[in-house]
N, C-alpha and C. Protein backbone atom coordinates (compact mmCIF):
# COMPACT_ATOMS: atom_id res chain seq x y z
N MET A 1 173.21 87.49 -182.76
CA MET A 1 174.22 86.50 -183.16
C MET A 1 174.47 85.45 -182.03
N SER A 2 174.33 85.93 -180.84
CA SER A 2 174.54 84.97 -179.69
C SER A 2 173.45 83.88 -179.68
N GLU A 3 172.23 84.27 -180.14
CA GLU A 3 171.12 83.24 -180.23
C GLU A 3 171.51 82.12 -181.26
N LEU A 4 172.13 82.54 -182.35
CA LEU A 4 172.53 81.55 -183.37
C LEU A 4 173.67 80.67 -182.87
N LYS A 5 174.58 81.29 -182.08
CA LYS A 5 175.65 80.47 -181.46
C LYS A 5 175.12 79.43 -180.53
N GLY A 6 174.06 79.82 -179.71
CA GLY A 6 173.43 78.90 -178.90
C GLY A 6 172.69 77.78 -179.67
N ALA A 7 172.15 78.11 -180.85
CA ALA A 7 171.48 77.10 -181.67
C ALA A 7 172.40 76.09 -182.15
N VAL A 8 173.67 76.56 -182.54
CA VAL A 8 174.71 75.56 -182.93
C VAL A 8 175.03 74.67 -181.79
N GLU A 9 175.25 75.22 -180.60
CA GLU A 9 175.68 74.47 -179.46
C GLU A 9 174.56 73.49 -178.99
N ASP A 10 173.29 73.88 -179.24
CA ASP A 10 172.19 73.03 -178.77
C ASP A 10 171.62 72.08 -179.84
N GLY A 11 172.32 72.07 -180.97
CA GLY A 11 171.91 71.19 -182.10
C GLY A 11 170.59 71.53 -182.73
N GLN A 12 170.25 72.83 -182.83
CA GLN A 12 168.98 73.26 -183.32
C GLN A 12 169.06 73.40 -184.83
N LEU A 13 170.25 73.26 -185.46
CA LEU A 13 170.38 73.39 -186.93
C LEU A 13 170.21 72.12 -187.66
N SER A 14 169.54 72.10 -188.84
CA SER A 14 169.24 70.93 -189.53
C SER A 14 169.73 71.15 -190.90
N LEU A 15 170.37 70.10 -191.46
CA LEU A 15 170.92 70.16 -192.86
C LEU A 15 169.99 69.47 -193.81
N HIS A 16 169.65 70.20 -194.88
CA HIS A 16 168.82 69.59 -195.92
C HIS A 16 169.55 69.71 -197.31
N PHE A 17 169.39 68.71 -198.08
CA PHE A 17 169.94 68.68 -199.44
C PHE A 17 168.80 68.81 -200.43
N GLN A 18 169.07 69.73 -201.39
CA GLN A 18 168.05 69.94 -202.45
C GLN A 18 168.67 69.65 -203.81
N PRO A 19 168.12 68.74 -204.51
CA PRO A 19 168.81 68.36 -205.84
C PRO A 19 168.54 69.46 -206.87
N LYS A 20 169.49 69.61 -207.72
CA LYS A 20 169.38 70.55 -208.80
C LYS A 20 169.28 69.67 -210.12
N LEU A 21 168.11 69.80 -210.70
CA LEU A 21 167.71 68.99 -211.82
C LEU A 21 167.63 69.68 -213.20
N ASN A 22 168.01 68.94 -214.22
CA ASN A 22 167.79 69.43 -215.60
C ASN A 22 166.63 68.61 -216.10
N ILE A 23 165.45 69.22 -216.12
CA ILE A 23 164.22 68.57 -216.46
C ILE A 23 164.25 68.03 -217.94
N ARG A 24 164.76 68.90 -218.80
CA ARG A 24 164.85 68.45 -220.27
C ARG A 24 165.67 67.25 -220.44
N ALA A 25 166.87 67.19 -219.76
CA ALA A 25 167.85 66.13 -219.98
C ALA A 25 167.54 64.96 -219.00
N ARG A 26 166.58 65.20 -218.06
CA ARG A 26 166.23 64.21 -217.14
C ARG A 26 167.49 63.74 -216.31
N SER A 27 168.23 64.76 -215.85
CA SER A 27 169.46 64.49 -215.08
C SER A 27 169.63 65.38 -213.90
N LEU A 28 170.35 64.87 -212.97
CA LEU A 28 170.79 65.57 -211.74
C LEU A 28 172.17 66.17 -212.10
N TYR A 29 172.25 67.59 -211.93
CA TYR A 29 173.59 68.17 -212.19
C TYR A 29 174.14 68.83 -210.96
N GLY A 30 173.55 68.72 -209.86
CA GLY A 30 174.17 69.30 -208.67
C GLY A 30 173.28 69.11 -207.41
N VAL A 31 173.78 69.52 -206.26
CA VAL A 31 173.04 69.54 -205.05
C VAL A 31 173.23 70.78 -204.24
N GLU A 32 172.23 71.37 -203.74
CA GLU A 32 172.35 72.53 -202.95
C GLU A 32 172.15 72.18 -201.44
N CYS A 33 172.97 72.61 -200.63
CA CYS A 33 172.90 72.24 -199.22
C CYS A 33 172.33 73.45 -198.43
N LEU A 34 171.26 73.27 -197.74
CA LEU A 34 170.61 74.27 -196.97
C LEU A 34 170.63 74.00 -195.47
N VAL A 35 170.94 75.00 -194.67
CA VAL A 35 170.87 74.90 -193.27
C VAL A 35 169.65 75.60 -192.73
N ARG A 36 168.82 74.80 -191.96
CA ARG A 36 167.58 75.40 -191.41
C ARG A 36 167.67 75.37 -189.93
N TRP A 37 167.16 76.35 -189.30
CA TRP A 37 167.19 76.49 -187.83
C TRP A 37 165.83 76.07 -187.27
N ILE A 38 165.77 75.11 -186.50
CA ILE A 38 164.60 74.70 -185.81
C ILE A 38 164.54 75.37 -184.45
N HIS A 39 163.97 76.62 -184.52
CA HIS A 39 163.98 77.48 -183.29
C HIS A 39 162.92 76.94 -182.31
N PRO A 40 163.32 76.93 -180.99
CA PRO A 40 162.33 76.37 -180.09
C PRO A 40 161.06 77.18 -179.90
N VAL A 41 161.05 78.46 -180.23
CA VAL A 41 159.89 79.33 -180.13
C VAL A 41 159.23 79.62 -181.44
N HIS A 42 160.09 79.96 -182.41
CA HIS A 42 159.60 80.37 -183.84
C HIS A 42 159.50 79.25 -184.81
N GLY A 43 159.93 78.03 -184.42
CA GLY A 43 159.84 76.90 -185.38
C GLY A 43 160.87 76.89 -186.49
N LEU A 44 160.56 76.24 -187.58
CA LEU A 44 161.51 76.10 -188.62
C LEU A 44 161.77 77.41 -189.39
N SER A 45 162.97 77.82 -189.50
CA SER A 45 163.25 79.05 -190.15
C SER A 45 163.07 79.04 -191.67
N ARG A 46 162.83 80.23 -192.25
CA ARG A 46 162.75 80.31 -193.67
C ARG A 46 164.18 80.38 -194.23
N ARG A 47 164.36 80.14 -195.46
CA ARG A 47 165.65 80.05 -196.06
C ARG A 47 166.49 81.29 -195.95
N THR A 48 165.82 82.44 -196.03
CA THR A 48 166.49 83.68 -195.98
C THR A 48 166.69 84.32 -194.63
N SER A 49 166.21 83.65 -193.59
CA SER A 49 166.25 84.33 -192.25
C SER A 49 167.51 84.03 -191.43
N LEU A 50 168.38 83.20 -191.90
CA LEU A 50 169.62 82.88 -191.12
C LEU A 50 170.77 83.86 -191.48
N SER A 51 170.87 84.30 -192.68
CA SER A 51 172.02 85.20 -193.10
C SER A 51 171.54 86.49 -193.70
N PRO A 52 172.22 87.56 -193.27
CA PRO A 52 171.93 88.83 -193.91
C PRO A 52 172.47 88.96 -195.37
N TRP A 53 173.40 88.04 -195.74
CA TRP A 53 174.06 88.13 -196.99
C TRP A 53 173.30 87.29 -198.02
N PRO A 54 173.41 87.79 -199.29
CA PRO A 54 172.67 87.07 -200.35
C PRO A 54 173.39 85.67 -200.57
N SER A 55 172.53 84.79 -200.96
CA SER A 55 172.99 83.43 -201.14
C SER A 55 173.84 83.32 -202.41
N ARG A 56 174.96 82.59 -202.43
CA ARG A 56 175.70 82.41 -203.60
C ARG A 56 176.28 80.95 -203.55
N PRO A 57 176.47 80.42 -204.71
CA PRO A 57 176.83 78.97 -204.73
C PRO A 57 178.21 78.76 -204.14
N ALA A 58 178.40 77.71 -203.39
CA ALA A 58 179.64 77.37 -202.75
C ALA A 58 180.60 76.81 -203.82
N THR A 59 180.07 76.35 -204.91
CA THR A 59 180.85 75.75 -206.00
C THR A 59 181.15 76.76 -207.13
N SER A 60 181.43 77.98 -206.77
CA SER A 60 181.65 78.99 -207.74
C SER A 60 182.99 78.93 -208.33
N ALA A 61 183.89 78.13 -207.88
CA ALA A 61 185.28 78.00 -208.37
C ALA A 61 185.18 77.49 -209.88
N PRO A 62 186.07 77.95 -210.78
CA PRO A 62 186.01 77.51 -212.18
C PRO A 62 186.12 76.02 -212.27
N GLY A 63 185.29 75.50 -213.14
CA GLY A 63 185.34 74.08 -213.42
C GLY A 63 184.56 73.15 -212.42
N ARG A 64 184.01 73.77 -211.41
CA ARG A 64 183.24 73.01 -210.34
C ARG A 64 181.79 72.86 -210.72
N ASN A 65 181.22 73.69 -211.59
CA ASN A 65 179.82 73.67 -211.93
C ASN A 65 179.60 72.87 -213.23
N ARG A 66 179.94 71.59 -213.30
CA ARG A 66 179.81 70.91 -214.48
C ARG A 66 178.85 69.71 -214.21
N ALA A 67 178.26 69.18 -215.18
CA ALA A 67 177.33 68.07 -215.09
C ALA A 67 178.00 66.80 -214.49
N TRP A 68 177.22 66.09 -213.75
CA TRP A 68 177.70 64.82 -213.24
C TRP A 68 177.55 63.80 -214.28
N SER A 69 178.46 62.82 -214.34
CA SER A 69 178.28 61.67 -215.28
C SER A 69 178.00 60.39 -214.55
């Protein structure tokens, strides 16, 4: 965990936005935000390597997961 703290302090984390698309409706209905670690030795981290907890949407509050207009 101390290595991750150092990564935050050294600016080694990178923020990426991934669109969530409805292909049939040809519309964007959300965005997923991903944090990637650019490790000085191991390179760009995989999505699952930063957190031991399973991923869950930050917008899980009722009414927050609706289509954009």
